[in-house]
Amino acid sequence: MSSAPSVHELRCQRFKLADGVVASAQQHRGRAGYHLQHPSRTEFFHVSDHEAALLSLMDGRRTFAAVISITARTLGADAFSEEVATELCLRLLKAGLLTIAGNSETLRSAGENSSRRAGGWNPFWMQFPLFNPDGLLQALLVVCRWVFHPAAVVGSLVVTGWAGSVLWTDWDRFASSGAQVFSPDNWIWLGLAWLCLKVIHELAHGLACRYYGGDVSKLGVVLVLFAPMAYVDVTSSWNLRSRWQRMHIAAAGMWAELTIAAVAVLIWSHTESVRTAHLLHNVIVMAGVTTLLFNLNPLMRFDGYYLLSDALGIPNLAGRGAAAVQQLLRRCLFGERFPASTSDGHERMLVLLYGVSASLWRVVVSVGLTIAAAVMWHGAGIVLALLGMILWWGLPLLRGFAAVRTVAQQSPAAAGRGLVVGAMAVAAVVAPLSLLPNPRGTSAPGIVDYADARHIRAAAEGFLERIHVGDGQRVEAGDLLFELSNDELTNELIDLEIEWQESEVRRLAAVNAGKLGEAQIELGQQAAIEERLREREQKCGSAPRSPVLSSPAGCRSAFTPL
């Protein structure tokens, strides 16, 4: 397996540009530079004029150390440090634009393998090139060349503004019929409108590229969650010197869709046919809303990204942003220091801001696509979701662990710092999230009780006068637990005792008079009175067995009289 040489081996290596690499002069943010293109790829690599001077000395005969020495004498104060030159050399080696003299095939294969590994296979995004559309576009351009004339562009902008005012006026009518757009009965019509618009979108990119003299080498299909989308390869537009032409090519697809949406709005506002209005409503939604939501988003590698990159004059904005985020993480985690960038502070801030925003957006998109796959495709979707999570999160985590291991071998203290700072960062993110309410969570009231518990309650109402035990104290059967005062019960006991005594007097009188029947009746009444007395006397507190007394809220509330 071939690989690029290590940093320590670079000084004695003799480098040269790969065979067939094409360089074209460009201007970015008022600074001269060059675009390097590999003949077998459709990717471009931007280098500044000073970096180009460094590369021009790599002819396969000079060593890397000699090239750095010559550059230092030639450029003087503007010369690169060895660290910056090494970083540039490694990036070009990885891109396959630089080779080692006598080993070009090996390095080319290693670079291509590295590129394939970096791209990887993703079940959520599968690209299939179909054919070279250059001949088709040349034939269409004969008929459609006029649409790229400045007068046609201005006319389309006027129509779009007119349609926007009409839609604003009739918004209530448009919104009221919007509920039917995403109903299952309308999916076929919506899909047809979307498919036709995407074909027109990509053809507009290709025609604009051909209009300005670029080449379109590929037309194909990309599957996003198995939903087909067309694409054309217009990377040759990077050879154009005018950034306004490049921006026109990047915006051509959105411009075509928005123009179609504007015409559809004007027809929709005047038609009386329900069917026609419904179809036009589909076109307006797919051409207008989806274009603004997706294609114009600069955080995705769609049209909006290339517009922003050219508008800022920062080529390879996504790659530089990702590298800036990686350097920021390594500096925060491991305390590493990196060589100063050749760009100014304003540009570095824009690149870092874009890198952070794109990284956060990538997290949102990956989670959203994973959830969508699991919901849309059920069992198979779960497998796709797991596979996508491995590709999006598993591989970067493995690379992160490998980086930590490498740092640990070189500097254990830096690795320890990285682990501590990383753990603190994860805790700072997870802790607030754990406090958020969970919409799927379930809460229910519960009661905590002792095993084999016994609830002891007073048999009669009354006021609690005295408690003879404490919370948690062990008691035995027959122990006095508490005392109640109840004047009504006390008076009832006194009345029963008096009633018993009166019955006893009557019984004795009957016995003395020889009336044994009446005496027997009084005995029966006395037995009833005694039973009632026993019931009243039993209304006092005593434990039926030997429990441990427990009152969660205190003894007084535990023995509230009934």
Protein backbone atom coordinates (compact mmCIF):
# COMPACT_ATOMS: atom_id res chain seq x y z
CA MET A 1 0.00 0.00 0.00
CA SER A 2 1.51 3.35 -1.05
CA SER A 3 1.32 6.50 0.98
CA ALA A 4 2.71 10.00 0.95
CA PRO A 5 6.03 10.46 2.71
CA SER A 6 6.25 11.74 6.26
CA VAL A 7 7.12 15.34 7.09
CA HIS A 8 10.67 14.40 8.08
CA GLU A 9 11.26 12.72 4.71
CA LEU A 10 10.18 15.74 2.64
CA ARG A 11 13.40 17.72 2.91
CA CYS A 12 15.41 15.23 0.85
CA GLN A 13 12.66 14.47 -1.69
CA ARG A 14 12.60 15.87 -5.25
CA PHE A 15 9.11 16.96 -6.24
CA LYS A 16 7.48 18.03 -9.47
CA LEU A 17 3.95 18.77 -10.64
CA ALA A 18 2.02 15.73 -11.83
CA ASP A 19 1.95 15.14 -15.57
CA GLY A 20 -0.80 17.06 -17.33
CA VAL A 21 -1.58 19.49 -14.50
CA VAL A 22 -2.99 22.68 -16.02
CA ALA A 23 -2.46 26.08 -14.37
CA SER A 24 -4.60 29.14 -15.15
CA ALA A 25 -4.10 32.64 -13.75
CA GLN A 26 -6.92 34.02 -11.57
CA GLN A 27 -7.66 37.06 -9.42
CA HIS A 28 -9.22 36.64 -5.96
CA ARG A 29 -9.86 39.59 -3.63
CA GLY A 30 -7.46 41.69 -5.69
CA ARG A 31 -4.62 39.20 -5.32
CA ALA A 32 -3.07 37.22 -8.15
CA GLY A 33 -3.21 33.45 -8.01
CA TYR A 34 -3.49 30.28 -10.05
CA HIS A 35 -5.93 27.41 -10.40
CA LEU A 36 -4.36 23.98 -10.73
CA GLN A 37 -6.41 21.22 -12.34
CA HIS A 38 -5.55 17.54 -12.50
CA PRO A 39 -6.23 16.10 -15.98
CA SER A 40 -8.13 13.06 -14.67
CA ARG A 41 -10.27 15.00 -12.20
CA THR A 42 -12.81 17.79 -12.21
CA GLU A 43 -11.42 19.45 -9.08
CA PHE A 44 -9.46 22.70 -8.90
CA PHE A 45 -6.80 23.73 -6.41
CA HIS A 46 -6.07 27.41 -5.78
CA VAL A 47 -2.55 28.66 -4.98
CA SER A 48 -1.32 32.20 -4.48
CA ASP A 49 1.38 33.75 -6.66
CA HIS A 50 4.00 33.17 -3.95
CA GLU A 51 2.93 29.53 -3.66
CA ALA A 52 3.10 29.28 -7.45
CA ALA A 53 6.68 30.61 -7.31
CA LEU A 54 7.51 27.84 -4.84
CA LEU A 55 5.93 25.20 -7.09
CA SER A 56 7.71 26.49 -10.19
CA LEU A 57 11.03 25.54 -8.60
CA MET A 58 9.92 21.93 -8.10
CA ASP A 59 11.27 20.46 -11.34
CA GLY A 60 12.17 16.97 -10.11
CA ARG A 61 15.88 17.84 -9.78
CA ARG A 62 15.97 20.12 -6.73
CA THR A 63 15.32 18.76 -3.26
CA PHE A 64 12.57 20.24 -1.15
CA ALA A 65 15.14 21.81 1.18
CA ALA A 66 16.86 23.48 -1.80
CA VAL A 67 13.53 24.82 -3.09
CA ILE A 68 12.78 26.40 0.30
CA SER A 69 16.25 27.95 0.40
CA ILE A 70 15.91 29.45 -3.10
CA THR A 71 12.45 30.78 -2.31
CA ALA A 72 13.74 32.44 0.85
CA ARG A 73 16.44 34.29 -1.12
CA THR A 74 14.05 35.25 -3.94
CA LEU A 75 11.03 36.41 -1.95
CA GLY A 76 12.88 37.87 1.00
CA ALA A 77 10.46 38.99 3.71
CA ASP A 78 7.55 37.40 1.83
CA ALA A 79 9.18 33.96 1.84
CA PHE A 80 7.42 30.99 3.39
CA SER A 81 8.47 29.39 6.59
CA GLU A 82 9.38 25.72 6.36
CA GLU A 83 6.15 24.80 8.18
CA VAL A 84 3.94 26.63 5.65
CA ALA A 85 5.83 25.15 2.70
CA THR A 86 5.54 21.67 4.21
CA GLU A 87 1.80 22.06 4.72
CA LEU A 88 1.35 23.19 1.09
CA CYS A 89 3.42 20.27 -0.17
CA LEU A 90 1.40 17.75 1.82
CA ARG A 91 -1.90 19.20 0.58
CA LEU A 92 -0.76 19.00 -3.04
CA LEU A 93 0.47 15.44 -2.52
CA LYS A 94 -2.89 14.46 -1.07
CA ALA A 95 -4.69 16.11 -4.01
CA GLY A 96 -2.52 14.20 -6.48
CA LEU A 97 -1.17 17.40 -8.06
CA LEU A 98 2.39 16.86 -6.85
CA THR A 99 4.55 13.78 -7.33
CA ILE A 100 7.99 12.56 -6.33
CA ALA A 101 10.38 12.31 -9.23
CA GLY A 102 10.62 8.69 -10.38
CA ASN A 103 7.58 7.65 -8.33
CA SER A 104 4.74 9.53 -10.00
CA GLU A 105 2.52 6.53 -10.66
CA THR A 106 2.76 5.33 -7.09
CA LEU A 107 1.92 8.75 -5.68
CA ARG A 108 -0.90 9.23 -8.19
CA SER A 109 -2.46 5.94 -7.11
CA ALA A 110 -2.04 6.87 -3.46
CA GLY A 111 -3.62 10.25 -4.08
CA GLU A 112 -6.56 8.76 -5.94
CA ASN A 113 -7.08 6.15 -3.22
CA SER A 114 -6.93 8.89 -0.59
CA SER A 115 -9.49 10.93 -2.51
CA ARG A 116 -11.81 7.97 -2.81
CA ARG A 117 -11.51 7.26 0.90
CA ALA A 118 -12.20 10.88 1.70
CA GLY A 119 -15.31 10.90 -0.45
CA GLY A 120 -16.51 7.47 0.64
CA TRP A 121 -19.79 5.79 -0.14
CA ASN A 122 -22.88 7.20 1.47
CA PRO A 123 -26.31 5.56 1.11
CA PHE A 124 -27.95 8.97 1.50
CA TRP A 125 -25.98 10.50 -1.38
CA MET A 126 -25.13 8.30 -4.38
CA GLN A 127 -23.90 9.86 -7.61
CA PHE A 128 -24.13 8.14 -11.01
CA PRO A 129 -22.68 9.88 -14.10
CA LEU A 130 -24.62 9.01 -17.27
CA PHE A 131 -23.16 10.66 -20.38
CA ASN A 132 -21.32 13.66 -21.79
CA PRO A 133 -23.98 16.30 -22.60
CA ASP A 134 -21.66 18.69 -24.41
CA GLY A 135 -23.13 17.99 -27.86
CA LEU A 136 -26.70 18.30 -26.60
CA LEU A 137 -25.92 21.59 -24.89
CA GLN A 138 -24.28 23.02 -28.00
CA ALA A 139 -27.41 22.21 -30.01
CA LEU A 140 -29.71 23.73 -27.38
CA LEU A 141 -27.52 26.81 -27.07
CA VAL A 142 -28.21 27.69 -30.71
CA VAL A 143 -31.87 28.11 -29.79
CA CYS A 144 -31.50 29.35 -26.20
CA ARG A 145 -28.51 31.70 -26.45
CA TRP A 146 -30.76 34.75 -26.24
CA VAL A 147 -31.90 33.90 -22.69
CA PHE A 148 -28.42 34.77 -21.37
CA HIS A 149 -28.40 38.20 -23.01
CA PRO A 150 -28.38 41.01 -20.42
CA ALA A 151 -31.71 42.30 -21.74
CA ALA A 152 -33.31 38.88 -21.17
CA VAL A 153 -31.86 38.70 -17.67
CA VAL A 154 -33.23 42.15 -16.80
CA GLY A 155 -36.61 41.20 -18.28
CA SER A 156 -36.76 38.06 -16.16
CA LEU A 157 -36.00 40.08 -13.05
CA VAL A 158 -38.85 42.47 -13.88
CA VAL A 159 -41.24 39.54 -14.36
CA THR A 160 -40.09 37.99 -11.08
CA GLY A 161 -40.70 41.26 -9.22
CA TRP A 162 -44.13 41.61 -10.82
CA ALA A 163 -45.03 38.04 -9.86
CA GLY A 164 -43.85 38.67 -6.31
CA SER A 165 -46.20 41.63 -5.93
CA VAL A 166 -49.10 39.59 -7.35
CA LEU A 167 -48.37 36.73 -4.96
CA TRP A 168 -48.21 39.16 -2.03
CA THR A 169 -51.63 40.54 -2.97
CA ASP A 170 -53.26 37.10 -3.38
CA TRP A 171 -51.37 35.41 -0.55
CA ASP A 172 -54.50 34.37 1.36
CA ARG A 173 -55.84 32.57 -1.70
CA PHE A 174 -52.47 30.95 -2.38
CA ALA A 175 -52.02 29.82 1.24
CA SER A 176 -55.57 28.42 1.47
CA SER A 177 -54.89 26.00 -1.37
CA GLY A 178 -51.46 25.07 0.02
CA ALA A 179 -52.88 22.39 2.31
CA GLN A 180 -53.60 20.18 -0.71
CA VAL A 181 -50.06 20.38 -2.10
CA PHE A 182 -48.55 17.68 0.13
CA SER A 183 -51.59 15.42 0.29
CA PRO A 184 -50.94 11.83 -0.92
CA ASP A 185 -53.25 12.34 -3.91
CA ASN A 186 -50.97 15.11 -5.18
CA TRP A 187 -47.62 13.35 -4.80
CA ILE A 188 -47.47 12.15 -8.40
CA TRP A 189 -48.11 15.63 -9.83
CA LEU A 190 -45.70 17.16 -7.35
CA GLY A 191 -43.01 14.64 -8.26
CA LEU A 192 -43.46 15.26 -11.99
CA ALA A 193 -43.22 19.02 -11.50
CA TRP A 194 -40.11 18.59 -9.37
CA LEU A 195 -38.44 16.24 -11.87
CA CYS A 196 -39.07 18.54 -14.84
CA LEU A 197 -37.87 21.59 -12.93
CA LYS A 198 -34.65 19.88 -11.84
CA VAL A 199 -33.86 18.87 -15.41
CA ILE A 200 -34.39 22.48 -16.50
CA HIS A 201 -32.30 23.63 -13.54
CA GLU A 202 -29.29 21.53 -14.50
CA LEU A 203 -29.63 22.31 -18.21
CA ALA A 204 -29.54 26.01 -17.31
CA HIS A 205 -26.22 25.46 -15.51
CA GLY A 206 -24.84 23.59 -18.49
CA LEU A 207 -26.07 26.12 -21.06
CA ALA A 208 -24.64 29.03 -19.05
CA CYS A 209 -21.29 27.27 -18.82
CA ARG A 210 -21.25 26.64 -22.57
CA TYR A 211 -22.36 30.25 -23.19
CA TYR A 212 -19.20 31.54 -21.51
CA GLY A 213 -16.96 28.99 -23.21
CA GLY A 214 -16.71 26.32 -20.52
CA ASP A 215 -16.90 22.56 -21.02
CA VAL A 216 -19.57 20.31 -19.53
CA SER A 217 -18.18 16.80 -19.33
CA LYS A 218 -20.77 14.96 -17.22
CA LEU A 219 -24.50 14.74 -16.79
CA GLY A 220 -25.87 12.27 -14.29
CA VAL A 221 -28.19 11.43 -11.45
CA VAL A 222 -27.60 11.76 -7.73
CA LEU A 223 -29.86 9.90 -5.30
CA VAL A 224 -30.67 11.72 -2.06
CA LEU A 225 -32.52 9.20 0.14
CA PHE A 226 -33.14 7.33 -3.15
CA ALA A 227 -34.92 10.40 -4.57
CA PRO A 228 -33.39 11.12 -8.02
CA MET A 229 -31.88 14.51 -8.79
CA ALA A 230 -30.05 15.52 -11.96
CA TYR A 231 -26.61 17.13 -11.94
CA VAL A 232 -24.13 18.51 -14.48
CA ASP A 233 -20.40 18.98 -14.02
CA VAL A 234 -19.53 22.64 -14.68
CA THR A 235 -16.26 22.77 -12.73
CA SER A 236 -14.57 24.02 -15.88
CA SER A 237 -16.14 27.39 -15.04
CA TRP A 238 -13.27 27.86 -12.58
CA ASN A 239 -11.07 28.50 -15.62
CA LEU A 240 -13.05 31.67 -16.33
CA ARG A 241 -11.28 34.84 -15.25
CA SER A 242 -14.46 36.79 -14.51
CA ARG A 243 -16.06 35.92 -11.20
CA TRP A 244 -19.31 37.49 -12.42
CA GLN A 245 -19.45 34.91 -15.19
CA ARG A 246 -18.80 32.15 -12.67
CA MET A 247 -21.54 33.54 -10.42
CA HIS A 248 -23.92 33.69 -13.39
CA ILE A 249 -23.25 30.02 -14.09
CA ALA A 250 -23.80 29.12 -10.43
CA ALA A 251 -27.06 31.09 -10.30
CA ALA A 252 -28.38 29.98 -13.71
CA GLY A 253 -30.36 27.04 -12.33
CA MET A 254 -32.08 29.07 -9.63
CA TRP A 255 -32.66 31.91 -12.08
CA ALA A 256 -34.38 29.53 -14.52
CA GLU A 257 -36.59 28.01 -11.80
CA LEU A 258 -37.56 31.38 -10.32
CA THR A 259 -38.43 32.69 -13.79
CA ILE A 260 -40.67 29.67 -14.37
CA ALA A 261 -42.23 30.19 -10.94
CA ALA A 262 -42.87 33.87 -11.75
CA VAL A 263 -44.61 33.02 -15.03
CA ALA A 264 -46.64 30.35 -13.21
CA VAL A 265 -47.75 32.93 -10.61
CA LEU A 266 -48.95 35.33 -13.30
CA ILE A 267 -50.93 32.59 -15.09
CA TRP A 268 -52.28 31.24 -11.78
CA SER A 269 -53.60 34.67 -10.79
CA HIS A 270 -55.72 34.91 -13.98
CA THR A 271 -56.85 31.33 -14.60
CA GLU A 272 -60.35 30.16 -13.72
CA SER A 273 -59.65 26.45 -14.18
CA VAL A 274 -59.32 24.60 -10.89
CA ARG A 275 -57.12 21.90 -12.43
CA THR A 276 -54.78 24.43 -14.07
CA ALA A 277 -54.53 26.46 -10.86
CA HIS A 278 -53.68 23.29 -8.93
CA LEU A 279 -50.90 22.30 -11.34
CA LEU A 280 -49.50 25.83 -11.36
CA HIS A 281 -49.56 25.84 -7.57
CA ASN A 282 -47.34 22.73 -7.60
CA VAL A 283 -44.91 24.43 -9.97
CA ILE A 284 -44.77 27.58 -7.83
CA VAL A 285 -44.06 25.63 -4.66
CA MET A 286 -41.40 23.38 -6.17
CA ALA A 287 -39.70 26.07 -8.27
CA GLY A 288 -39.89 28.86 -5.72
CA VAL A 289 -39.89 27.52 -2.19
CA THR A 290 -37.57 24.53 -2.62
CA THR A 291 -35.10 26.59 -4.67
CA LEU A 292 -34.83 29.23 -1.96
CA LEU A 293 -34.64 26.68 0.87
CA PHE A 294 -32.08 24.30 -0.62
CA ASN A 295 -30.22 25.66 -3.65
CA LEU A 296 -29.67 29.10 -2.14
CA ASN A 297 -28.36 27.69 1.16
CA PRO A 298 -24.61 28.49 1.18
CA LEU A 299 -23.88 25.93 3.92
CA MET A 300 -24.47 23.08 1.46
CA ARG A 301 -22.41 22.42 -1.64
CA PHE A 302 -25.17 23.69 -3.89
CA ASP A 303 -25.54 26.86 -5.94
CA GLY A 304 -25.59 29.21 -2.95
CA TYR A 305 -22.19 27.96 -1.80
CA TYR A 306 -20.48 28.75 -5.11
CA LEU A 307 -22.18 32.15 -5.24
CA LEU A 308 -20.91 32.97 -1.75
CA SER A 309 -17.41 31.69 -2.49
CA ASP A 310 -17.10 33.90 -5.57
CA ALA A 311 -18.82 36.87 -3.94
CA LEU A 312 -16.31 36.79 -1.08
CA GLY A 313 -13.43 36.02 -3.42
CA ILE A 314 -12.39 33.03 -1.30
CA PRO A 315 -11.85 29.89 -3.40
CA ASN A 316 -12.28 26.45 -1.81
CA LEU A 317 -14.26 28.04 1.02
CA ALA A 318 -15.63 24.73 2.31
CA GLY A 319 -12.26 22.98 2.39
CA ARG A 320 -10.51 25.92 4.02
CA GLY A 321 -13.35 26.29 6.52
CA ALA A 322 -13.10 22.63 7.50
CA ALA A 323 -9.32 22.96 7.86
CA ALA A 324 -9.76 26.09 10.00
CA VAL A 325 -12.20 24.28 12.30
CA GLN A 326 -9.80 21.34 12.58
CA GLN A 327 -6.92 23.65 13.47
CA LEU A 328 -9.10 25.46 16.03
CA LEU A 329 -10.03 22.17 17.66
CA ARG A 330 -6.44 20.97 17.77
CA ARG A 331 -5.32 24.29 19.23
CA CYS A 332 -8.03 24.23 21.92
CA LEU A 333 -7.64 20.53 22.75
CA PHE A 334 -3.92 19.93 22.43
CA GLY A 335 -2.48 23.45 22.53
CA GLU A 336 -0.89 23.01 19.09
CA ARG A 337 0.49 26.00 17.23
CA PHE A 338 0.11 26.37 13.47
CA PRO A 339 2.05 28.56 11.04
CA ALA A 340 0.50 31.93 10.29
CA SER A 341 -1.77 31.97 7.25
CA THR A 342 -0.91 34.11 4.25
CA SER A 343 -4.47 35.52 4.14
CA ASP A 344 -5.49 38.63 6.08
CA GLY A 345 -7.34 38.60 9.39
CA HIS A 346 -10.72 39.50 7.86
CA GLU A 347 -10.52 36.59 5.44
CA ARG A 348 -9.40 34.17 8.17
CA MET A 349 -12.38 35.21 10.30
CA LEU A 350 -14.80 34.66 7.39
CA VAL A 351 -13.31 31.24 6.65
CA LEU A 352 -13.53 30.16 10.30
CA LEU A 353 -17.09 31.49 10.65
CA TYR A 354 -18.14 29.58 7.55
CA GLY A 355 -16.39 26.41 8.74
CA VAL A 356 -18.16 26.46 12.11
CA SER A 357 -21.56 27.21 10.52
CA ALA A 358 -21.15 24.49 7.90
CA SER A 359 -20.10 21.96 10.55
CA LEU A 360 -23.17 22.69 12.67
CA TRP A 361 -25.40 22.53 9.60
CA ARG A 362 -23.83 19.20 8.63
CA VAL A 363 -24.80 17.84 12.04
CA VAL A 364 -28.40 19.01 11.56
CA VAL A 365 -28.60 17.53 8.05
CA SER A 366 -27.07 14.19 9.04
CA VAL A 367 -29.44 13.80 11.99
CA GLY A 368 -32.41 14.90 9.86
CA LEU A 369 -31.62 12.50 7.02
CA THR A 370 -31.06 9.67 9.49
CA ILE A 371 -34.45 10.25 11.12
CA ALA A 372 -36.12 10.63 7.71
CA ALA A 373 -34.60 7.34 6.52
CA ALA A 374 -35.75 5.51 9.64
CA VAL A 375 -39.29 6.91 9.29
CA MET A 376 -39.72 6.61 5.52
CA TRP A 377 -38.22 3.14 5.01
CA HIS A 378 -39.10 1.50 8.35
CA GLY A 379 -36.90 -1.59 8.88
CA ALA A 380 -34.63 -0.95 5.89
CA GLY A 381 -34.48 2.70 6.92
CA ILE A 382 -33.10 1.74 10.32
CA VAL A 383 -30.30 -0.18 8.61
CA LEU A 384 -29.62 2.82 6.35
CA ALA A 385 -29.72 5.14 9.35
CA LEU A 386 -27.17 3.01 11.21
CA LEU A 387 -24.95 2.85 8.13
CA GLY A 388 -25.21 6.59 7.65
CA MET A 389 -24.35 7.24 11.29
CA ILE A 390 -21.27 5.03 10.95
CA LEU A 391 -20.13 6.91 7.84
CA TRP A 392 -20.89 10.37 9.23
CA TRP A 393 -19.84 9.88 12.83
CA GLY A 394 -17.99 6.58 13.17
CA LEU A 395 -15.21 7.30 10.69
CA PRO A 396 -14.54 10.85 11.95
CA LEU A 397 -14.45 9.50 15.51
CA LEU A 398 -11.95 6.85 14.47
CA ARG A 399 -9.80 9.53 12.83
CA GLY A 400 -10.11 11.60 16.00
CA PHE A 401 -8.99 8.68 18.17
CA ALA A 402 -6.09 8.08 15.79
CA ALA A 403 -5.10 11.76 16.11
CA VAL A 404 -5.26 11.52 19.91
CA ARG A 405 -3.10 8.40 19.83
CA THR A 406 -0.55 10.14 17.61
CA VAL A 407 -0.48 13.16 19.92
CA ALA A 408 -0.16 10.85 22.94
CA GLN A 409 2.91 9.22 21.41
CA GLN A 410 4.52 12.60 20.77
CA SER A 411 3.34 14.49 23.86
CA PRO A 412 1.42 12.65 26.61
CA ALA A 413 0.76 15.95 28.40
CA ALA A 414 -0.96 17.41 25.32
CA ALA A 415 -3.07 14.25 24.94
CA GLY A 416 -4.11 14.45 28.60
CA ARG A 417 -5.07 18.07 28.15
CA GLY A 418 -7.12 17.15 25.09
CA LEU A 419 -9.04 14.46 26.97
CA VAL A 420 -9.80 16.80 29.88
CA VAL A 421 -10.87 19.72 27.68
CA GLY A 422 -12.90 17.41 25.44
CA ALA A 423 -14.70 15.85 28.40
CA MET A 424 -15.49 19.31 29.78
CA ALA A 425 -16.83 20.45 26.41
CA VAL A 426 -19.05 17.37 26.09
CA ALA A 427 -20.34 17.87 29.64
CA ALA A 428 -21.05 21.55 28.92
CA VAL A 429 -23.20 20.53 25.95
CA VAL A 430 -24.90 17.47 27.43
CA ALA A 431 -25.72 18.95 30.85
CA PRO A 432 -28.07 21.71 29.57
CA LEU A 433 -29.67 19.28 27.11
CA SER A 434 -30.44 16.84 29.92
CA LEU A 435 -32.47 19.57 31.66
CA LEU A 436 -34.74 20.13 28.68
CA PRO A 437 -38.21 18.54 28.90
CA ASN A 438 -38.57 15.35 26.93
CA PRO A 439 -41.75 15.46 24.80
CA ARG A 440 -41.87 11.65 24.77
CA GLY A 441 -41.24 11.30 28.49
CA THR A 442 -43.91 9.94 30.84
CA SER A 443 -44.45 11.09 34.41
CA ALA A 444 -46.81 9.58 36.98
CA PRO A 445 -47.37 10.12 40.71
CA GLY A 446 -45.98 7.44 43.01
CA ILE A 447 -46.04 6.49 46.69
CA VAL A 448 -43.03 5.15 48.56
CA ASP A 449 -44.04 2.77 51.36
CA TYR A 450 -42.34 0.31 53.71
CA ALA A 451 -42.56 -3.42 53.04
CA ASP A 452 -45.14 -5.17 55.26
CA ALA A 453 -46.31 -1.80 56.58
CA ARG A 454 -49.29 -1.48 58.95
CA HIS A 455 -51.43 1.64 59.18
CA ILE A 456 -52.62 2.27 62.75
CA ARG A 457 -55.53 4.62 63.19
CA ALA A 458 -57.57 5.70 66.22
CA ALA A 459 -60.92 3.98 66.47
CA ALA A 460 -62.68 7.18 67.49
CA GLU A 461 -62.51 10.85 66.82
CA GLY A 462 -60.72 13.12 69.22
CA PHE A 463 -57.99 15.61 69.84
CA LEU A 464 -54.44 14.25 70.07
CA GLU A 465 -53.19 14.92 73.57
CA ARG A 466 -49.99 12.88 73.90
CA ILE A 467 -47.73 10.67 71.76
CA HIS A 468 -45.85 7.93 73.58
CA VAL A 469 -43.57 6.74 70.71
CA GLY A 470 -41.23 8.32 68.15
CA ASP A 471 -40.72 7.97 64.39
CA GLY A 472 -38.78 4.78 63.63
CA GLN A 473 -39.16 3.40 67.17
CA ARG A 474 -39.89 -0.31 67.53
CA VAL A 475 -43.04 -1.11 69.56
CA GLU A 476 -44.58 -4.26 70.92
CA ALA A 477 -48.17 -5.46 70.92
CA GLY A 478 -50.15 -3.73 73.65
CA ASP A 479 -47.87 -0.68 73.90
CA LEU A 480 -49.62 2.63 74.32
CA LEU A 481 -48.98 4.70 71.21
CA PHE A 482 -50.99 7.87 71.69
CA GLU A 483 -53.79 9.41 73.71
CA LEU A 484 -56.84 11.25 72.44
CA SER A 485 -59.29 13.48 74.22
CA ASN A 486 -62.97 13.28 73.23
CA ASP A 487 -65.48 14.91 75.58
CA GLU A 488 -68.41 13.31 73.80
CA LEU A 489 -66.96 9.82 74.23
CA THR A 490 -66.13 10.53 77.88
CA ASN A 491 -69.66 11.69 78.61
CA GLU A 492 -71.04 8.64 76.83
CA LEU A 493 -68.95 6.36 79.05
CA ILE A 494 -70.22 8.15 82.17
CA ASP A 495 -73.82 7.84 80.96
CA LEU A 496 -73.37 4.11 80.34
CA GLU A 497 -71.90 3.56 83.80
CA ILE A 498 -74.83 5.44 85.37
CA GLU A 499 -77.27 3.44 83.26
CA TRP A 500 -75.62 0.20 84.42
CA GLN A 501 -75.83 1.25 88.07
CA GLU A 502 -79.53 2.11 87.68
CA SER A 503 -80.13 -1.31 86.13
CA GLU A 504 -78.31 -2.95 89.05
CA VAL A 505 -80.54 -1.12 91.54
CA ARG A 506 -83.65 -2.34 89.69
CA ARG A 507 -82.32 -5.92 89.60
CA LEU A 508 -81.67 -5.98 93.35
CA ALA A 509 -85.15 -4.59 94.04
CA ALA A 510 -86.72 -7.29 91.86
CA VAL A 511 -84.76 -10.03 93.66
CA ASN A 512 -85.87 -8.71 97.05
CA ALA A 513 -89.49 -8.64 95.83
CA GLY A 514 -89.23 -12.21 94.54
CA LYS A 515 -89.73 -11.08 90.95
CA LEU A 516 -87.15 -13.30 89.37
CA GLY A 517 -88.38 -12.63 85.79
CA GLU A 518 -87.80 -8.88 86.10
CA ALA A 519 -84.40 -9.54 87.67
CA GLN A 520 -83.47 -11.72 84.69
CA ILE A 521 -84.48 -8.95 82.28
CA GLU A 522 -82.25 -6.46 84.10
CA LEU A 523 -79.33 -8.87 83.82
CA GLY A 524 -79.82 -8.94 80.05
CA GLN A 525 -79.87 -5.13 79.90
CA GLN A 526 -76.71 -4.98 82.02
CA ALA A 527 -74.96 -7.35 79.61
CA ALA A 528 -75.89 -5.07 76.70
CA ILE A 529 -74.67 -2.01 78.63
CA GLU A 530 -71.39 -3.75 79.48
CA GLU A 531 -70.85 -4.64 75.80
CA ARG A 532 -71.35 -1.02 74.85
CA LEU A 533 -68.92 0.00 77.59
CA ARG A 534 -66.28 -2.40 76.30
CA GLU A 535 -66.67 -1.00 72.78
CA ARG A 536 -66.16 2.54 74.04
CA GLU A 537 -63.22 1.55 76.22
CA GLN A 538 -61.52 -0.21 73.31
CA LYS A 539 -61.38 3.07 71.39
CA CYS A 540 -57.79 3.73 72.53
CA GLY A 541 -54.43 3.36 70.75
CA SER A 542 -52.46 0.08 71.00
CA ALA A 543 -50.30 -1.86 68.51
CA PRO A 544 -51.85 -5.14 67.19
CA ARG A 545 -48.41 -6.73 66.59
CA SER A 546 -44.74 -5.70 66.84
CA PRO A 547 -43.99 -3.31 63.96
CA VAL A 548 -41.50 -0.48 63.59
CA LEU A 549 -43.53 2.68 63.79
CA SER A 550 -43.02 4.98 60.74
CA SER A 551 -44.63 8.28 59.87
CA PRO A 552 -43.24 10.07 56.75
CA ALA A 553 -44.83 13.36 57.74
CA GLY A 554 -44.40 13.04 61.52
CA CYS A 555 -46.44 11.27 64.16
CA ARG A 556 -49.02 13.99 64.59
CA SER A 557 -50.17 13.87 60.95
CA ALA A 558 -49.90 10.07 60.90
CA PHE A 559 -52.43 9.69 63.68
CA THR A 560 -54.98 12.26 62.53
CA PRO A 561 -58.25 11.21 64.11
CA LEU A 562 -60.89 9.85 61.75
